[in-house]
PDB file of all heavy atoms in Angstrom:
ATOM      1  N   SER A   1     -57.406 -13.330 -72.345  1.00  0.00           N
ATOM      2  CA  SER A   1     -57.827 -12.066 -72.945  1.00  0.00           C
ATOM      3  C   SER A   1     -57.443 -11.934 -74.415  1.00  0.00           C
ATOM      4  O   SER A   1     -58.027 -11.104 -75.148  1.00  0.00           O
ATOM      5  CB  SER A   1     -57.198 -10.873 -72.191  1.00  0.00           C
ATOM      6  OG  SER A   1     -57.663 -10.855 -70.866  1.00  0.00           O
ATOM      7  N   SER A   2     -56.482 -12.684 -74.878  1.00  0.00           N
ATOM      8  CA  SER A   2     -56.008 -12.464 -76.249  1.00  0.00           C
ATOM      9  C   SER A   2     -55.454 -13.776 -76.836  1.00  0.00           C
ATOM     10  O   SER A   2     -55.115 -14.687 -76.105  1.00  0.00           O
ATOM     11  CB  SER A   2     -54.896 -11.400 -76.276  1.00  0.00           C
ATOM     12  OG  SER A   2     -53.736 -11.863 -75.616  1.00  0.00           O
ATOM     13  N   ASP A   3     -55.420 -13.803 -78.152  1.00  0.00           N
ATOM     14  CA  ASP A   3     -54.676 -14.863 -78.833  1.00  0.00           C
ATOM     15  C   ASP A   3     -53.207 -14.494 -78.832  1.00  0.00           C
ATOM     16  O   ASP A   3     -52.842 -13.313 -78.794  1.00  0.00           O
ATOM     17  CB  ASP A   3     -55.169 -14.989 -80.272  1.00  0.00           C
ATOM     18  CG  ASP A   3     -56.623 -15.486 -80.349  1.00  0.00           C
ATOM     19  OD1 ASP A   3     -56.987 -16.297 -79.442  1.00  0.00           O
ATOM     20  OD2 ASP A   3     -57.336 -15.089 -81.266  1.00  0.00           O
ATOM     21  N   PRO A   4     -52.324 -15.450 -78.858  1.00  0.00           N
ATOM     22  CA  PRO A   4     -50.888 -15.142 -78.741  1.00  0.00           C
ATOM     23  C   PRO A   4     -50.330 -14.507 -80.003  1.00  0.00           C
ATOM     24  O   PRO A   4     -50.729 -14.800 -81.117  1.00  0.00           O
ATOM     25  CB  PRO A   4     -50.247 -16.515 -78.486  1.00  0.00           C
ATOM     26  CG  PRO A   4     -51.157 -17.490 -79.121  1.00  0.00           C
ATOM     27  CD  PRO A   4     -52.537 -16.938 -78.924  1.00  0.00           C
ATOM     28  N   THR A   5     -49.398 -13.628 -79.781  1.00  0.00           N
ATOM     29  CA  THR A   5     -48.564 -13.110 -80.867  1.00  0.00           C
ATOM     30  C   THR A   5     -47.304 -13.968 -80.884  1.00  0.00           C
ATOM     31  O   THR A   5     -46.591 -14.057 -79.862  1.00  0.00           O
ATOM     32  CB  THR A   5     -48.188 -11.648 -80.634  1.00  0.00           C
ATOM     33  OG1 THR A   5     -49.386 -10.866 -80.576  1.00  0.00           O
ATOM     34  CG2 THR A   5     -47.297 -11.116 -81.744  1.00  0.00           C
ATOM     35  N   VAL A   6     -46.997 -14.587 -81.999  1.00  0.00           N
ATOM     36  CA  VAL A   6     -45.893 -15.547 -82.085  1.00  0.00           C
ATOM     37  C   VAL A   6     -44.745 -14.927 -82.827  1.00  0.00           C
ATOM     38  O   VAL A   6     -44.898 -14.400 -83.928  1.00  0.00           O
ATOM     39  CB  VAL A   6     -46.301 -16.852 -82.786  1.00  0.00           C
ATOM     40  CG1 VAL A   6     -45.192 -17.876 -82.784  1.00  0.00           C
ATOM     41  CG2 VAL A   6     -47.583 -17.426 -82.128  1.00  0.00           C
ATOM     42  N   THR A   7     -43.553 -14.944 -82.180  1.00  0.00           N
ATOM     43  CA  THR A   7     -42.358 -14.373 -82.763  1.00  0.00           C
ATOM     44  C   THR A   7     -41.258 -15.437 -82.777  1.00  0.00           C
ATOM     45  O   THR A   7     -41.057 -16.139 -81.813  1.00  0.00           O
ATOM     46  CB  THR A   7     -41.865 -13.171 -81.926  1.00  0.00           C
ATOM     47  OG1 THR A   7     -42.909 -12.212 -81.821  1.00  0.00           O
ATOM     48  CG2 THR A   7     -40.641 -12.534 -82.552  1.00  0.00           C
ATOM     49  N   SER A   8     -40.571 -15.537 -83.905  1.00  0.00           N
ATOM     50  CA  SER A   8     -39.441 -16.487 -84.022  1.00  0.00           C
ATOM     51  C   SER A   8     -38.220 -15.878 -83.350  1.00  0.00           C
ATOM     52  O   SER A   8     -37.873 -14.704 -83.590  1.00  0.00           O
ATOM     53  CB  SER A   8     -39.141 -16.781 -85.504  1.00  0.00           C
ATOM     54  OG  SER A   8     -37.987 -17.596 -85.587  1.00  0.00           O
ATOM     55  N   LEU A   9     -37.591 -16.686 -82.522  1.00  0.00           N
ATOM     56  CA  LEU A   9     -36.356 -16.238 -81.839  1.00  0.00           C
ATOM     57  C   LEU A   9     -35.147 -17.050 -82.307  1.00  0.00           C
ATOM     58  O   LEU A   9     -34.056 -16.902 -81.755  1.00  0.00           O
ATOM     59  CB  LEU A   9     -36.516 -16.393 -80.336  1.00  0.00           C
ATOM     60  CG  LEU A   9     -37.708 -15.675 -79.668  1.00  0.00           C
ATOM     61  CD1 LEU A   9     -37.765 -15.973 -78.180  1.00  0.00           C
ATOM     62  CD2 LEU A   9     -37.605 -14.186 -79.923  1.00  0.00           C
ATOM     63  N   GLY A  10     -35.346 -17.924 -83.263  1.00  0.00           N
ATOM     64  CA  GLY A  10     -34.299 -18.819 -83.746  1.00  0.00           C
ATOM     65  C   GLY A  10     -34.897 -19.961 -84.522  1.00  0.00           C
ATOM     66  O   GLY A  10     -36.126 -20.073 -84.658  1.00  0.00           O
ATOM     67  N   ALA A  11     -34.053 -20.852 -85.010  1.00  0.00           N
ATOM     68  CA  ALA A  11     -34.531 -21.973 -85.822  1.00  0.00           C
ATOM     69  C   ALA A  11     -35.501 -22.872 -85.034  1.00  0.00           C
ATOM     70  O   ALA A  11     -36.436 -23.431 -85.588  1.00  0.00           O
ATOM     71  CB  ALA A  11     -33.326 -22.778 -86.322  1.00  0.00           C
ATOM     72  N   TYR A  12     -35.254 -23.069 -83.707  1.00  0.00           N
ATOM     73  CA  TYR A  12     -36.077 -23.901 -82.874  1.00  0.00           C
ATOM     74  C   TYR A  12     -36.714 -23.140 -81.725  1.00  0.00           C
ATOM     75  O   TYR A  12     -37.304 -23.775 -80.823  1.00  0.00           O
ATOM     76  CB  TYR A  12     -35.227 -25.051 -82.281  1.00  0.00           C
ATOM     77  CG  TYR A  12     -34.689 -26.027 -83.308  1.00  0.00           C
ATOM     78  CD1 TYR A  12     -33.439 -25.821 -83.886  1.00  0.00           C
ATOM     79  CD2 TYR A  12     -35.430 -27.153 -83.666  1.00  0.00           C
ATOM     80  CE1 TYR A  12     -32.956 -26.693 -84.824  1.00  0.00           C
ATOM     81  CE2 TYR A  12     -34.929 -28.038 -84.600  1.00  0.00           C
ATOM     82  CZ  TYR A  12     -33.713 -27.813 -85.202  1.00  0.00           C
ATOM     83  OH  TYR A  12     -33.216 -28.706 -86.111  1.00  0.00           O
ATOM     84  N   GLN A  13     -36.644 -21.829 -81.740  1.00  0.00           N
ATOM     85  CA  GLN A  13     -37.079 -21.030 -80.607  1.00  0.00           C
ATOM     86  C   GLN A  13     -38.199 -20.060 -80.991  1.00  0.00           C
ATOM     87  O   GLN A  13     -38.163 -19.485 -82.081  1.00  0.00           O
ATOM     88  CB  GLN A  13     -35.885 -20.250 -80.001  1.00  0.00           C
ATOM     89  CG  GLN A  13     -34.813 -21.112 -79.395  1.00  0.00           C
ATOM     90  CD  GLN A  13     -33.883 -21.707 -80.405  1.00  0.00           C
ATOM     91  OE1 GLN A  13     -33.531 -21.076 -81.442  1.00  0.00           O
ATOM     92  NE2 GLN A  13     -33.456 -22.954 -80.210  1.00  0.00           N
ATOM     93  N   GLN A  14     -39.153 -19.901 -80.086  1.00  0.00           N
ATOM     94  CA  GLN A  14     -40.269 -18.997 -80.342  1.00  0.00           C
ATOM     95  C   GLN A  14     -40.695 -18.296 -79.054  1.00  0.00           C
ATOM     96  O   GLN A  14     -40.393 -18.792 -77.952  1.00  0.00           O
ATOM     97  CB  GLN A  14     -41.493 -19.764 -80.854  1.00  0.00           C
ATOM     98  CG  GLN A  14     -41.424 -20.292 -82.257  1.00  0.00           C
ATOM     99  CD  GLN A  14     -42.696 -20.987 -82.685  1.00  0.00           C
ATOM    100  OE1 GLN A  14     -43.407 -21.535 -81.845  1.00  0.00           O
ATOM    101  NE2 GLN A  14     -43.001 -20.972 -83.973  1.00  0.00           N
ATOM    102  N   ALA A  15     -41.378 -17.141 -79.223  1.00  0.00           N
ATOM    103  CA  ALA A  15     -42.041 -16.482 -78.109  1.00  0.00           C
ATOM    104  C   ALA A  15     -43.504 -16.373 -78.428  1.00  0.00           C
ATOM    105  O   ALA A  15     -43.888 -15.951 -79.526  1.00  0.00           O
ATOM    106  CB  ALA A  15     -41.438 -15.082 -77.895  1.00  0.00           C
ATOM    107  N   HIS A  16     -44.366 -16.786 -77.472  1.00  0.00           N
ATOM    108  CA  HIS A  16     -45.777 -16.583 -77.543  1.00  0.00           C
ATOM    109  C   HIS A  16     -46.146 -15.561 -76.495  1.00  0.00           C
ATOM    110  O   HIS A  16     -45.928 -15.764 -75.295  1.00  0.00           O
ATOM    111  CB  HIS A  16     -46.557 -17.892 -77.259  1.00  0.00           C
ATOM    112  CG  HIS A  16     -46.433 -18.922 -78.342  1.00  0.00           C
ATOM    113  ND1 HIS A  16     -45.282 -19.586 -78.636  1.00  0.00           N
ATOM    114  CD2 HIS A  16     -47.387 -19.390 -79.219  1.00  0.00           C
ATOM    115  CE1 HIS A  16     -45.488 -20.429 -79.637  1.00  0.00           C
ATOM    116  NE2 HIS A  16     -46.768 -20.314 -80.017  1.00  0.00           N
ATOM    117  N   VAL A  17     -46.711 -14.443 -76.947  1.00  0.00           N
ATOM    118  CA  VAL A  17     -46.967 -13.307 -76.056  1.00  0.00           C
ATOM    119  C   VAL A  17     -48.459 -13.014 -75.998  1.00  0.00           C
ATOM    120  O   VAL A  17     -49.140 -12.966 -77.046  1.00  0.00           O
ATOM    121  CB  VAL A  17     -46.207 -12.061 -76.520  1.00  0.00           C
ATOM    122  CG1 VAL A  17     -46.410 -10.916 -75.544  1.00  0.00           C
ATOM    123  CG2 VAL A  17     -44.716 -12.354 -76.667  1.00  0.00           C
ATOM    124  N   PHE A  18     -48.962 -12.838 -74.777  1.00  0.00           N
ATOM    125  CA  PHE A  18     -50.391 -12.569 -74.561  1.00  0.00           C
ATOM    126  C   PHE A  18     -50.506 -11.215 -73.835  1.00  0.00           C
ATOM    127  O   PHE A  18     -49.679 -10.877 -72.951  1.00  0.00           O
ATOM    128  CB  PHE A  18     -50.999 -13.654 -73.635  1.00  0.00           C
ATOM    129  CG  PHE A  18     -50.984 -15.044 -74.229  1.00  0.00           C
ATOM    130  CD1 PHE A  18     -49.818 -15.812 -74.148  1.00  0.00           C
ATOM    131  CD2 PHE A  18     -52.099 -15.571 -74.808  1.00  0.00           C
ATOM    132  CE1 PHE A  18     -49.788 -17.085 -74.660  1.00  0.00           C
ATOM    133  CE2 PHE A  18     -52.076 -16.852 -75.352  1.00  0.00           C
ATOM    134  CZ  PHE A  18     -50.946 -17.608 -75.269  1.00  0.00           C
ATOM    135  N   TYR A  19     -51.554 -10.429 -74.171  1.00  0.00           N
ATOM    136  CA  TYR A  19     -51.799  -9.166 -73.541  1.00  0.00           C
ATOM    137  C   TYR A  19     -53.232  -9.126 -72.992  1.00  0.00           C
ATOM    138  O   TYR A  19     -54.174  -9.576 -73.654  1.00  0.00           O
ATOM    139  CB  TYR A  19     -51.662  -8.003 -74.551  1.00  0.00           C
ATOM    140  CG  TYR A  19     -50.269  -7.877 -75.121  1.00  0.00           C
ATOM    141  CD1 TYR A  19     -49.911  -8.494 -76.309  1.00  0.00           C
ATOM    142  CD2 TYR A  19     -49.285  -7.186 -74.445  1.00  0.00           C
ATOM    143  CE1 TYR A  19     -48.655  -8.366 -76.858  1.00  0.00           C
ATOM    144  CE2 TYR A  19     -47.986  -7.050 -74.955  1.00  0.00           C
ATOM    145  CZ  TYR A  19     -47.683  -7.660 -76.142  1.00  0.00           C
ATOM    146  OH  TYR A  19     -46.420  -7.534 -76.640  1.00  0.00           O
ATOM    147  N   SER A  20     -53.349  -8.581 -71.788  1.00  0.00           N
ATOM    148  CA  SER A  20     -54.699  -8.369 -71.212  1.00  0.00           C
ATOM    149  C   SER A  20     -55.235  -7.025 -71.659  1.00  0.00           C
ATOM    150  O   SER A  20     -54.496  -6.175 -72.180  1.00  0.00           O
ATOM    151  CB  SER A  20     -54.660  -8.420 -69.716  1.00  0.00           C
ATOM    152  OG  SER A  20     -54.017  -7.268 -69.190  1.00  0.00           O
ATOM    153  N   ARG A  21     -56.530  -6.809 -71.440  1.00  0.00           N
ATOM    154  CA  ARG A  21     -57.154  -5.541 -71.821  1.00  0.00           C
ATOM    155  C   ARG A  21     -56.572  -4.393 -70.987  1.00  0.00           C
ATOM    156  O   ARG A  21     -56.587  -3.242 -71.397  1.00  0.00           O
ATOM    157  CB  ARG A  21     -58.663  -5.620 -71.638  1.00  0.00           C
ATOM    158  CG  ARG A  21     -59.369  -6.572 -72.616  1.00  0.00           C
ATOM    159  CD  ARG A  21     -60.868  -6.465 -72.517  1.00  0.00           C
ATOM    160  NE  ARG A  21     -61.517  -7.358 -73.428  1.00  0.00           N
ATOM    161  CZ  ARG A  21     -61.878  -8.619 -73.130  1.00  0.00           C
ATOM    162  NH1 ARG A  21     -61.614  -9.110 -71.922  1.00  0.00           N
ATOM    163  NH2 ARG A  21     -62.470  -9.378 -74.012  1.00  0.00           N
ATOM    164  N   GLN A  22     -56.068  -4.717 -69.812  1.00  0.00           N
ATOM    165  CA  GLN A  22     -55.510  -3.714 -68.966  1.00  0.00           C
ATOM    166  C   GLN A  22     -54.047  -3.417 -69.297  1.00  0.00           C
ATOM    167  O   GLN A  22     -53.429  -2.576 -68.668  1.00  0.00           O
ATOM    168  CB  GLN A  22     -55.584  -4.151 -67.477  1.00  0.00           C
ATOM    169  CG  GLN A  22     -57.010  -4.121 -66.873  1.00  0.00           C
ATOM    170  CD  GLN A  22     -57.865  -5.233 -67.406  1.00  0.00           C
ATOM    171  OE1 GLN A  22     -57.375  -6.287 -67.759  1.00  0.00           O
ATOM    172  NE2 GLN A  22     -59.175  -4.981 -67.506  1.00  0.00           N
ATOM    173  N   GLY A  23     -53.513  -4.129 -70.280  1.00  0.00           N
ATOM    174  CA  GLY A  23     -52.146  -3.869 -70.764  1.00  0.00           C
ATOM    175  C   GLY A  23     -51.098  -4.749 -70.157  1.00  0.00           C
ATOM    176  O   GLY A  23     -49.918  -4.620 -70.520  1.00  0.00           O
ATOM    177  N   SER A  24     -51.480  -5.671 -69.272  1.00  0.00           N
ATOM    178  CA  SER A  24     -50.483  -6.581 -68.732  1.00  0.00           C
ATOM    179  C   SER A  24     -50.055  -7.585 -69.801  1.00  0.00           C
ATOM    180  O   SER A  24     -50.777  -7.834 -70.757  1.00  0.00           O
ATOM    181  CB  SER A  24     -51.018  -7.296 -67.517  1.00  0.00           C
ATOM    182  OG  SER A  24     -52.164  -8.104 -67.839  1.00  0.00           O
ATOM    183  N   CYS A  25     -48.886  -8.165 -69.595  1.00  0.00           N
ATOM    184  CA  CYS A  25     -48.280  -9.001 -70.621  1.00  0.00           C
ATOM    185  C   CYS A  25     -47.776 -10.305 -70.016  1.00  0.00           C
ATOM    186  O   CYS A  25     -47.277 -10.294 -68.868  1.00  0.00           O
ATOM    187  CB  CYS A  25     -47.116  -8.230 -71.225  1.00  0.00           C
ATOM    188  SG  CYS A  25     -46.040  -9.172 -72.346  1.00  0.00           S
ATOM    189  N   ALA A  26     -47.928 -11.403 -70.701  1.00  0.00           N
ATOM    190  CA  ALA A  26     -47.344 -12.688 -70.290  1.00  0.00           C
ATOM    191  C   ALA A  26     -46.705 -13.357 -71.503  1.00  0.00           C
ATOM    192  O   ALA A  26     -47.222 -13.215 -72.629  1.00  0.00           O
ATOM    193  CB  ALA A  26     -48.418 -13.593 -69.685  1.00  0.00           C
ATOM    194  N   ALA A  27     -45.625 -14.040 -71.310  1.00  0.00           N
ATOM    195  CA  ALA A  27     -44.902 -14.658 -72.422  1.00  0.00           C
ATOM    196  C   ALA A  27     -44.463 -16.070 -72.104  1.00  0.00           C
ATOM    197  O   ALA A  27     -44.133 -16.399 -70.946  1.00  0.00           O
ATOM    198  CB  ALA A  27     -43.708 -13.785 -72.793  1.00  0.00           C
ATOM    199  N   PHE A  28     -44.493 -16.890 -73.139  1.00  0.00           N
ATOM    200  CA  PHE A  28     -43.932 -18.260 -73.078  1.00  0.00           C
ATOM    201  C   PHE A  28     -42.840 -18.316 -74.124  1.00  0.00           C
ATOM    202  O   PHE A  28     -43.066 -18.137 -75.310  1.00  0.00           O
ATOM    203  CB  PHE A  28     -45.035 -19.303 -73.413  1.00  0.00           C
ATOM    204  CG  PHE A  28     -46.079 -19.473 -72.370  1.00  0.00           C
ATOM    205  CD1 PHE A  28     -46.874 -18.459 -71.937  1.00  0.00           C
ATOM    206  CD2 PHE A  28     -46.277 -20.743 -71.798  1.00  0.00           C
ATOM    207  CE1 PHE A  28     -47.861 -18.622 -70.957  1.00  0.00           C
ATOM    208  CE2 PHE A  28     -47.238 -20.946 -70.829  1.00  0.00           C
ATOM    209  CZ  PHE A  28     -48.020 -19.895 -70.388  1.00  0.00           C
ATOM    210  N   ILE A  29     -41.614 -18.581 -73.664  1.00  0.00           N
ATOM    211  CA  ILE A  29     -40.446 -18.639 -74.564  1.00  0.00           C
ATOM    212  C   ILE A  29     -40.018 -20.068 -74.660  1.00  0.00           C
ATOM    213  O   ILE A  29     -39.689 -20.729 -73.634  1.00  0.00           O
ATOM    214  CB  ILE A  29     -39.306 -17.740 -74.055  1.00  0.00           C
ATOM    215  CG1 ILE A  29     -39.760 -16.323 -73.804  1.00  0.00           C
ATOM    216  CG2 ILE A  29     -38.152 -17.740 -75.081  1.00  0.00           C
ATOM    217  CD1 ILE A  29     -38.687 -15.440 -73.191  1.00  0.00           C
ATOM    218  N   SER A  30     -39.949 -20.605 -75.855  1.00  0.00           N
ATOM    219  CA  SER A  30     -39.762 -22.046 -76.038  1.00  0.00           C
ATOM    220  C   SER A  30     -38.502 -22.378 -76.848  1.00  0.00           C
ATOM    221  O   SER A  30     -38.110 -21.591 -77.738  1.00  0.00           O
ATOM    222  CB  SER A  30     -40.984 -22.658 -76.755  1.00  0.00           C
ATOM    223  OG  SER A  30     -41.276 -21.988 -77.955  1.00  0.00           O
ATOM    224  N   ASN A  31     -37.932 -23.508 -76.501  1.00  0.00           N
ATOM    225  CA  ASN A  31     -36.816 -24.074 -77.279  1.00  0.00           C
ATOM    226  C   ASN A  31     -37.178 -25.512 -77.564  1.00  0.00           C
ATOM    227  O   ASN A  31     -37.178 -26.365 -76.685  1.00  0.00           O
ATOM    228  CB  ASN A  31     -35.519 -23.999 -76.468  1.00  0.00           C
ATOM    229  CG  ASN A  31     -34.376 -24.671 -77.192  1.00  0.00           C
ATOM    230  OD1 ASN A  31     -34.399 -24.888 -78.415  1.00  0.00           O
ATOM    231  ND2 ASN A  31     -33.321 -25.031 -76.452  1.00  0.00           N
ATOM    232  N   TYR A  32     -37.471 -25.830 -78.839  1.00  0.00           N
ATOM    233  CA  TYR A  32     -37.883 -27.164 -79.231  1.00  0.00           C
ATOM    234  C   TYR A  32     -36.773 -28.105 -79.574  1.00  0.00           C
ATOM    235  O   TYR A  32     -36.990 -29.284 -79.825  1.00  0.00           O
ATOM    236  CB  TYR A  32     -38.833 -27.066 -80.461  1.00  0.00           C
ATOM    237  CG  TYR A  32     -40.099 -26.270 -80.217  1.00  0.00           C
ATOM    238  CD1 TYR A  32     -40.566 -25.376 -81.158  1.00  0.00           C
ATOM    239  CD2 TYR A  32     -40.820 -26.423 -79.041  1.00  0.00           C
ATOM    240  CE1 TYR A  32     -41.722 -24.614 -80.933  1.00  0.00           C
ATOM    241  CE2 TYR A  32     -41.964 -25.693 -78.806  1.00  0.00           C
ATOM    242  CZ  TYR A  32     -42.408 -24.811 -79.772  1.00  0.00           C
ATOM    243  OH  TYR A  32     -43.548 -24.056 -79.529  1.00  0.00           O
ATOM    244  N   HIS A  33     -35.521 -27.612 -79.553  1.00  0.00           N
ATOM    245  CA  HIS A  33     -34.412 -28.490 -79.927  1.00  0.00           C
ATOM    246  C   HIS A  33     -34.262 -29.586 -78.857  1.00  0.00           C
ATOM    247  O   HIS A  33     -34.341 -29.325 -77.671  1.00  0.00           O
ATOM    248  CB  HIS A  33     -33.115 -27.681 -80.029  1.00  0.00           C
ATOM    249  CG  HIS A  33     -32.069 -28.377 -80.862  1.00  0.00           C
ATOM    250  ND1 HIS A  33     -31.356 -29.481 -80.375  1.00  0.00           N
ATOM    251  CD2 HIS A  33     -31.632 -28.154 -82.131  1.00  0.00           C
ATOM    252  CE1 HIS A  33     -30.522 -29.883 -81.329  1.00  0.00           C
ATOM    253  NE2 HIS A  33     -30.674 -29.121 -82.374  1.00  0.00           N
ATOM    254  N   VAL A  34     -34.038 -30.798 -79.324  1.00  0.00           N
ATOM    255  CA  VAL A  34     -34.000 -31.953 -78.417  1.00  0.00           C
ATOM    256  C   VAL A  34     -32.705 -32.017 -77.636  1.00  0.00           C
ATOM    257  O   VAL A  34     -32.705 -32.498 -76.477  1.00  0.00           O
ATOM    258  CB  VAL A  34     -34.220 -33.256 -79.233  1.00  0.00           C
ATOM    259  CG1 VAL A  34     -34.051 -34.466 -78.348  1.00  0.00           C
ATOM    260  CG2 VAL A  34     -35.607 -33.261 -79.899  1.00  0.00           C
ATOM    261  N   LYS A  35     -31.613 -31.519 -78.180  1.00  0.00           N
ATOM    262  CA  LYS A  35     -30.289 -31.686 -77.562  1.00  0.00           C
ATOM    263  C   LYS A  35     -29.631 -30.406 -77.126  1.00  0.00           C
ATOM    264  O   LYS A  35     -28.846 -30.408 -76.141  1.00  0.00           O
ATOM    265  CB  LYS A  35     -29.367 -32.473 -78.499  1.00  0.00           C
ATOM    266  CG  LYS A  35     -29.824 -33.894 -78.816  1.00  0.00           C
ATOM    267  CD  LYS A  35     -28.841 -34.586 -79.719  1.00  0.00           C
ATOM    268  CE  LYS A  35     -29.279 -36.037 -80.011  1.00  0.00           C
ATOM    269  NZ  LYS A  35     -28.356 -36.717 -80.940  1.00  0.00           N
ATOM    270  N   SER A  36     -29.873 -29.305 -77.826  1.00  0.00           N
ATOM    271  CA  SER A  36     -29.077 -28.116 -77.589  1.00  0.00           C
ATOM    272  C   SER A  36     -29.825 -27.055 -76.803  1.00  0.00           C
ATOM    273  O   SER A  36     -31.000 -26.761 -77.110  1.00  0.00           O
ATOM    274  CB  SER A  36     -28.625 -27.504 -78.953  1.00  0.00           C
ATOM    275  OG  SER A  36     -27.864 -28.436 -79.636  1.00  0.00           O
ATOM    276  N   ALA A  37     -29.156 -26.468 -75.801  1.00  0.00           N
ATOM    277  CA  ALA A  37     -29.666 -25.330 -75.112  1.00  0.00           C
ATOM    278  C   ALA A  37     -29.545 -24.115 -76.054  1.00  0.00           C
ATOM    279  O   ALA A  37     -28.823 -24.120 -77.050  1.00  0.00           O
ATOM    280  CB  ALA A  37     -28.897 -25.063 -73.832  1.00  0.00           C
ATOM    281  N   ALA A  38     -30.275 -23.042 -75.721  1.00  0.00           N
ATOM    282  CA  ALA A  38     -30.279 -21.834 -76.552  1.00  0.00           C
ATOM    283  C   ALA A  38     -30.224 -20.609 -75.689  1.00  0.00           C
ATOM    284  O   ALA A  38     -30.814 -20.586 -74.586  1.00  0.00           O
ATOM    285  CB  ALA A  38     -31.474 -21.834 -77.455  1.00  0.00           C
ATOM    286  N   ARG A  39     -29.579 -19.570 -76.184  1.00  0.00           N
ATOM    287  CA  ARG A  39     -29.599 -18.251 -75.554  1.00  0.00           C
ATOM    288  C   ARG A  39     -30.304 -17.294 -76.527  1.00  0.00           C
ATOM    289  O   ARG A  39     -29.854 -17.122 -77.676  1.00  0.00           O
ATOM    290  CB  ARG A  39     -28.166 -17.781 -75.268  1.00  0.00           C
ATOM    291  CG  ARG A  39     -28.114 -16.425 -74.537  1.00  0.00           C
ATOM    292  CD  ARG A  39     -26.666 -16.154 -74.139  1.00  0.00           C
ATOM    293  NE  ARG A  39     -26.493 -14.816 -73.575  1.00  0.00           N
ATOM    294  CZ  ARG A  39     -26.711 -14.440 -72.318  1.00  0.00           C
ATOM    295  NH1 ARG A  39     -27.155 -15.402 -71.457  1.00  0.00           N
ATOM    296  NH2 ARG A  39     -26.530 -13.223 -71.891  1.00  0.00           N
ATOM    297  N   VAL A  40     -31.405 -16.732 -76.124  1.00  0.00           N
ATOM    298  CA  VAL A  40     -32.243 -15.944 -77.018  1.00  0.00           C
ATOM    299  C   VAL A  40     -32.406 -14.558 -76.482  1.00  0.00           C
ATOM    300  O   VAL A  40     -32.240 -14.279 -75.273  1.00  0.00           O
ATOM    301  CB  VAL A  40     -33.629 -16.584 -77.229  1.00  0.00           C
ATOM    302  CG1 VAL A  40     -33.507 -17.959 -77.833  1.00  0.00           C
ATOM    303  CG2 VAL A  40     -34.394 -16.620 -75.946  1.00  0.00           C
ATOM    304  N   MET A  41     -32.723 -13.626 -77.410  1.00  0.00           N
ATOM    305  CA  MET A  41     -32.992 -12.243 -77.053  1.00  0.00           C
ATOM    306  C   MET A  41     -34.516 -12.033 -77.148  1.00  0.00           C
ATOM    307  O   MET A  41     -35.134 -12.308 -78.171  1.00  0.00           O
ATOM    308  CB  MET A  41     -32.289 -11.283 -78.020  1.00  0.00           C
ATOM    309  CG  MET A  41     -32.613  -9.831 -77.796  1.00  0.00           C
ATOM    310  SD  MET A  41     -31.772  -9.136 -76.347  1.00  0.00           S
ATOM    311  CE  MET A  41     -30.130  -8.910 -76.988  1.00  0.00           C
ATOM    312  N   PHE A  42     -35.114 -11.518 -76.061  1.00  0.00           N
ATOM    313  CA  PHE A  42     -36.545 -11.213 -76.027  1.00  0.00           C
ATOM    314  C   PHE A  42     -36.762  -9.951 -75.211  1.00  0.00           C
ATOM    315  O   PHE A  42     -36.273  -9.869 -74.057  1.00  0.00           O
ATOM    316  CB  PHE A  42     -37.358 -12.404 -75.436  1.00  0.00           C
ATOM    317  CG  PHE A  42     -38.801 -12.112 -75.237  1.00  0.00           C
ATOM    318  CD1 PHE A  42     -39.664 -12.051 -76.307  1.00  0.00           C
ATOM    319  CD2 PHE A  42     -39.321 -11.897 -73.956  1.00  0.00           C
ATOM    320  CE1 PHE A  42     -41.005 -11.760 -76.157  1.00  0.00           C
ATOM    321  CE2 PHE A  42     -40.658 -11.630 -73.775  1.00  0.00           C
ATOM    322  CZ  PHE A  42     -41.512 -11.572 -74.870  1.00  0.00           C
TER     323      PHE A  42
END
């Protein structure tokens, strides 16, 4: 239904958020760092 809204959550972290016309929401939260885990706020 939509193109993603991309938000930075850190140096290697992002959120891609999609919304439907009915208002529902889906998100993909990513950590691209090869070695380190991350704790993010979303």
